[in-house]
Structure formats: C-alpha cells, structure tokens
Amino acid sequence: MDLSADFWNHKYINNKTGWDLGVISPPLKAYFDQLVDKDLKILIPGGGNSYEAEYLYNNGFQNIFVVDLSEIPLQNIKKRIPNFPDAQLIQADFFNLNDTFDLVIEQTFFCAIHPSLRPNYAQKMYEILKPTGKLVGLLFDAVLNDNHPPFGGNQKEYRTYFQTYFKNIQMDSCYNSFHNREGMELFVNIIKI
C-alpha cells in the first residue's frame, strides 16, 4: 500500500479529498473556543488544508505548526493565510519530527496512516508532547476500510495503543460532529502526566 507523498499529492490534484470538510470541524472549534493561552505551541500533523490552523491563527494563536507529506495543502494554507509563517508549514513525515509541543490536534491523520503504524503514532505523541501536553481531537469510531484510508477502529483498540504511554486517556462519543460523521467519532483528550 503506497501512502507516500505522491499518493497524497495525487489525491489533491484529482480532488479526491473526501476527508476535507472545507471548514473547521465543529468539535475542534468548540474546543478551541475555550482555550485561553494564546502562546500554546500547537502541532497539527497530517494537517491537510487545515481549516483548524486557519481558525486558530485568525483568533490570535501564532505558534501553530502544520506538518504534511504533501506540499499541496501547505500551499493552499499559505494562499488562504498569506501571513502564516513559512517555517511553520512543514512538508515532512510526522514520524521524523524532532520538536516538542503543548498541544497536538488530531483531525483525520490517525485514520490516514496504515494501522500498523498506530503503536508508533502513540509512542511519537508521547515523545513530542511536553509534560502536561495534550493530544486532542477526533478518531473514527466505525468500521471503515481495510485496504485504503480512511482506516477505522474503535475505542477499545485505540486504548491499547495509548495506555502504554499515557495514564490520562479520555475518549467519549462525539456529540457535535459534522453532519456526515454523526455517530462515527470519538472526541479524545489524552494528557501526558
């Protein structure tokens, strides 16, 4: 299964981006609206067009980093937000990041990586989160695809990856999902303590 930069570039070029809501995800907007510390260092991995980064930036958060394998969505962000710092739009493999963050936002990245990488994802999150840092976002709570993204799963499975590294793991059925994802999402808040 090829999930390389070329694979994702092809998806963007051919407008095969069904994961892209075209707007900020309502559960993440609600979460962002209660954040008060505008100095948080925030990462959005596999961020795509990242309407979440745009929303945060336009609401006074300046320390936001978006990483993606494909350069196309990073260019799209720059077109929408010309003042967004170039150095904070990173074309790279998330697993090769060497930095730490206060907050990591999960929005359709976990479901885009091959399921065999999920234990590595949990470990990498532990490595890049600062003490008391949080992984917050959405995971699919549904059976999806076996041979291509998005890959689904369930809370029981997900907990097995994170409980090795994290003690404070909250996963709840999402009550305010985007209409086409209702009943299919978990809102997660995982704290490094």
Protein backbone atom coordinates (compact mmCIF):
# COMPACT_ATOMS: atom_id res chain seq x y z
CA MET A 1 0.00 0.00 0.00
CA ASP A 2 1.50 3.29 -1.13
CA LEU A 3 0.75 6.11 1.31
CA SER A 4 3.68 8.25 0.18
CA ALA A 5 3.77 11.96 -0.63
CA ASP A 6 3.00 11.04 -4.26
CA PHE A 7 -0.14 9.18 -3.17
CA TRP A 8 -1.42 12.22 -1.26
CA ASN A 9 -0.36 14.69 -3.98
CA HIS A 10 -2.39 12.63 -6.45
CA LYS A 11 -5.42 12.84 -4.14
CA TYR A 12 -5.19 16.65 -4.01
CA ILE A 13 -4.51 17.06 -7.73
CA ASN A 14 -7.53 14.89 -8.61
CA ASN A 15 -9.78 16.42 -5.95
CA LYS A 16 -10.21 13.06 -4.17
CA THR A 17 -10.26 14.65 -0.72
CA GLY A 18 -13.41 13.29 0.89
CA TRP A 19 -11.87 13.74 4.35
CA ASP A 20 -11.69 17.51 3.82
CA LEU A 21 -14.77 19.16 5.36
CA GLY A 22 -13.97 22.52 3.77
CA VAL A 23 -14.50 24.15 7.19
CA ILE A 24 -13.23 23.73 10.72
CA SER A 25 -14.57 20.61 12.42
CA PRO A 26 -17.32 21.70 14.89
CA PRO A 27 -15.93 19.69 17.86
CA LEU A 28 -12.50 21.23 17.40
CA LYS A 29 -13.94 24.73 17.03
CA ALA A 30 -15.79 24.23 20.33
CA TYR A 31 -12.56 23.05 21.96
CA PHE A 32 -10.51 25.95 20.55
CA ASP A 33 -13.10 28.49 21.69
CA GLN A 34 -12.42 27.60 25.33
CA LEU A 35 -8.61 27.87 25.06
CA VAL A 36 -7.23 30.97 26.76
CA ASP A 37 -3.44 30.57 26.43
CA LYS A 38 -2.61 32.05 23.01
CA ASP A 39 1.06 31.14 23.50
CA LEU A 40 0.48 27.39 23.29
CA LYS A 41 2.80 25.64 20.84
CA ILE A 42 0.38 23.64 18.69
CA LEU A 43 1.00 20.92 16.10
CA ILE A 44 -1.50 19.68 13.54
CA PRO A 45 0.03 16.54 11.99
CA GLY A 46 -1.16 15.35 8.59
CA GLY A 47 -2.93 18.68 8.65
CA GLY A 48 -4.03 18.85 5.03
CA ASN A 49 -5.79 22.11 4.21
CA SER A 50 -6.09 22.64 7.97
CA TYR A 51 -9.05 24.93 8.50
CA GLU A 52 -8.22 24.32 12.15
CA ALA A 53 -4.86 26.07 11.75
CA GLU A 54 -6.57 28.92 9.92
CA TYR A 55 -9.16 29.32 12.67
CA LEU A 56 -6.54 29.29 15.41
CA TYR A 57 -4.28 31.74 13.56
CA ASN A 58 -7.16 34.13 12.89
CA ASN A 59 -8.03 34.00 16.59
CA GLY A 60 -4.63 35.10 17.85
CA PHE A 61 -2.72 31.83 18.14
CA GLN A 62 0.61 32.39 16.42
CA ASN A 63 2.61 29.33 17.46
CA ILE A 64 0.88 26.79 15.19
CA PHE A 65 2.74 24.19 13.14
CA VAL A 66 1.20 22.13 10.35
CA VAL A 67 3.06 19.11 9.03
CA ASP A 68 2.03 17.13 5.96
CA LEU A 69 3.69 14.78 3.48
CA SER A 70 2.13 16.68 0.57
CA GLU A 71 3.19 20.20 -0.28
CA ILE A 72 -0.15 20.96 -1.98
CA PRO A 73 -2.28 21.54 1.15
CA LEU A 74 0.53 23.54 2.73
CA GLN A 75 0.50 25.80 -0.34
CA ASN A 76 -3.29 26.05 -0.01
CA ILE A 77 -2.94 27.22 3.59
CA LYS A 78 -0.42 29.85 2.52
CA LYS A 79 -2.82 31.11 -0.18
CA ARG A 80 -5.63 31.44 2.35
CA ILE A 81 -3.42 32.92 5.09
CA PRO A 82 -0.55 34.81 3.39
CA ASN A 83 0.91 35.91 6.75
CA PHE A 84 1.13 32.37 8.12
CA PRO A 85 4.86 31.80 8.85
CA ASP A 86 6.51 29.66 6.16
CA ALA A 87 8.69 27.93 8.75
CA GLN A 88 5.54 26.65 10.48
CA LEU A 89 4.25 24.89 7.35
CA ILE A 90 6.38 21.77 7.29
CA GLN A 91 6.49 19.27 4.46
CA ALA A 92 7.76 16.18 6.26
CA ASP A 93 6.92 12.81 7.70
CA PHE A 94 5.35 13.26 11.13
CA PHE A 95 7.37 10.33 12.45
CA ASN A 96 10.60 12.22 11.70
CA LEU A 97 9.67 15.34 13.69
CA ASN A 98 12.16 16.37 16.34
CA ASP A 99 10.37 19.02 18.38
CA THR A 100 8.00 19.28 21.35
CA PHE A 101 4.54 20.80 21.65
CA ASP A 102 1.99 21.82 24.27
CA LEU A 103 -0.94 20.61 22.19
CA VAL A 104 -1.30 18.24 19.25
CA ILE A 105 -4.55 18.33 17.29
CA GLU A 106 -5.82 15.12 15.71
CA GLN A 107 -8.08 15.61 12.71
CA THR A 108 -8.08 12.75 10.15
CA PHE A 109 -4.37 11.97 10.44
CA PHE A 110 -4.65 8.83 12.58
CA CYS A 111 -7.13 7.30 10.11
CA ALA A 112 -4.85 8.14 7.17
CA ILE A 113 -1.77 6.25 8.34
CA HIS A 114 -1.55 2.49 7.92
CA PRO A 115 -2.97 0.76 11.02
CA SER A 116 0.37 -0.99 11.55
CA LEU A 117 1.79 2.45 12.43
CA ARG A 118 -0.70 3.15 15.22
CA PRO A 119 1.58 1.94 18.03
CA ASN A 120 4.33 4.17 16.58
CA TYR A 121 1.86 7.08 16.49
CA ALA A 122 1.11 6.70 20.23
CA GLN A 123 4.83 6.49 21.03
CA LYS A 124 5.65 9.52 18.87
CA MET A 125 2.88 11.53 20.55
CA TYR A 126 4.40 10.73 23.91
CA GLU A 127 7.82 11.84 22.67
CA ILE A 128 6.70 15.16 21.16
CA LEU A 129 4.32 16.27 23.91
CA LYS A 130 5.78 18.43 26.65
CA PRO A 131 4.99 17.45 30.26
CA THR A 132 1.24 18.09 30.78
CA GLY A 133 0.90 18.38 26.99
CA LYS A 134 -2.30 17.16 25.36
CA LEU A 135 -3.36 15.21 22.30
CA VAL A 136 -6.86 16.42 21.48
CA GLY A 137 -9.09 15.66 18.55
CA LEU A 138 -11.21 13.15 16.75
CA LEU A 139 -10.85 9.47 15.96
CA PHE A 140 -13.28 7.45 13.89
CA ASP A 141 -15.41 5.07 15.94
CA ALA A 142 -16.51 2.99 12.97
CA VAL A 143 -15.54 0.14 10.70
CA LEU A 144 -14.24 1.79 7.54
CA ASN A 145 -11.70 0.39 5.04
CA ASP A 146 -9.10 -2.37 5.13
CA ASN A 147 -7.12 -1.56 2.00
CA HIS A 148 -7.02 2.25 1.85
CA PRO A 149 -7.59 5.30 4.02
CA PRO A 150 -9.61 6.18 5.96
CA PHE A 151 -8.96 3.29 8.31
CA GLY A 152 -11.45 2.92 11.12
CA GLY A 153 -11.42 1.33 14.54
CA ASN A 154 -12.93 1.62 17.97
CA GLN A 155 -12.21 2.89 21.46
CA LYS A 156 -11.11 -0.49 22.83
CA GLU A 157 -8.48 -0.85 20.10
CA TYR A 158 -7.26 2.73 20.41
CA ARG A 159 -6.79 2.47 24.16
CA THR A 160 -4.36 -0.43 23.68
CA TYR A 161 -2.00 1.89 21.78
CA PHE A 162 -2.14 4.83 24.17
CA GLN A 163 -2.25 3.10 27.56
CA THR A 164 1.37 2.01 27.14
CA TYR A 165 2.46 5.66 27.32
CA PHE A 166 -0.38 7.67 28.85
CA LYS A 167 -2.29 7.41 32.12
CA ASN A 168 -4.93 10.09 31.50
CA ILE A 169 -6.93 8.97 28.44
CA GLN A 170 -10.40 10.37 27.81
CA MET A 171 -12.39 9.10 24.83
CA ASP A 172 -16.08 9.93 24.51
CA SER A 173 -18.67 9.67 21.79
CA CYS A 174 -18.70 12.98 19.98
CA TYR A 175 -21.98 14.89 20.37
CA ASN A 176 -21.31 17.70 17.87
CA SER A 177 -19.77 16.01 14.83
CA PHE A 178 -20.07 17.39 11.31
CA HIS A 179 -23.35 16.08 9.86
CA ASN A 180 -21.75 13.38 7.67
CA ARG A 181 -19.78 11.99 10.63
CA GLU A 182 -22.53 11.87 13.25
CA GLY A 183 -22.31 8.74 15.39
CA MET A 184 -18.90 7.87 13.91
CA GLU A 185 -16.45 9.90 16.01
CA LEU A 186 -14.78 9.84 19.38
CA PHE A 187 -13.55 13.06 20.95
CA VAL A 188 -10.21 12.31 22.58
CA ASN A 189 -8.28 14.25 25.20
CA ILE A 190 -5.07 12.49 26.19
CA ILE A 191 -2.76 14.20 28.67
CA LYS A 192 0.91 13.49 29.24
CA ILE A 193 1.46 13.38 33.01
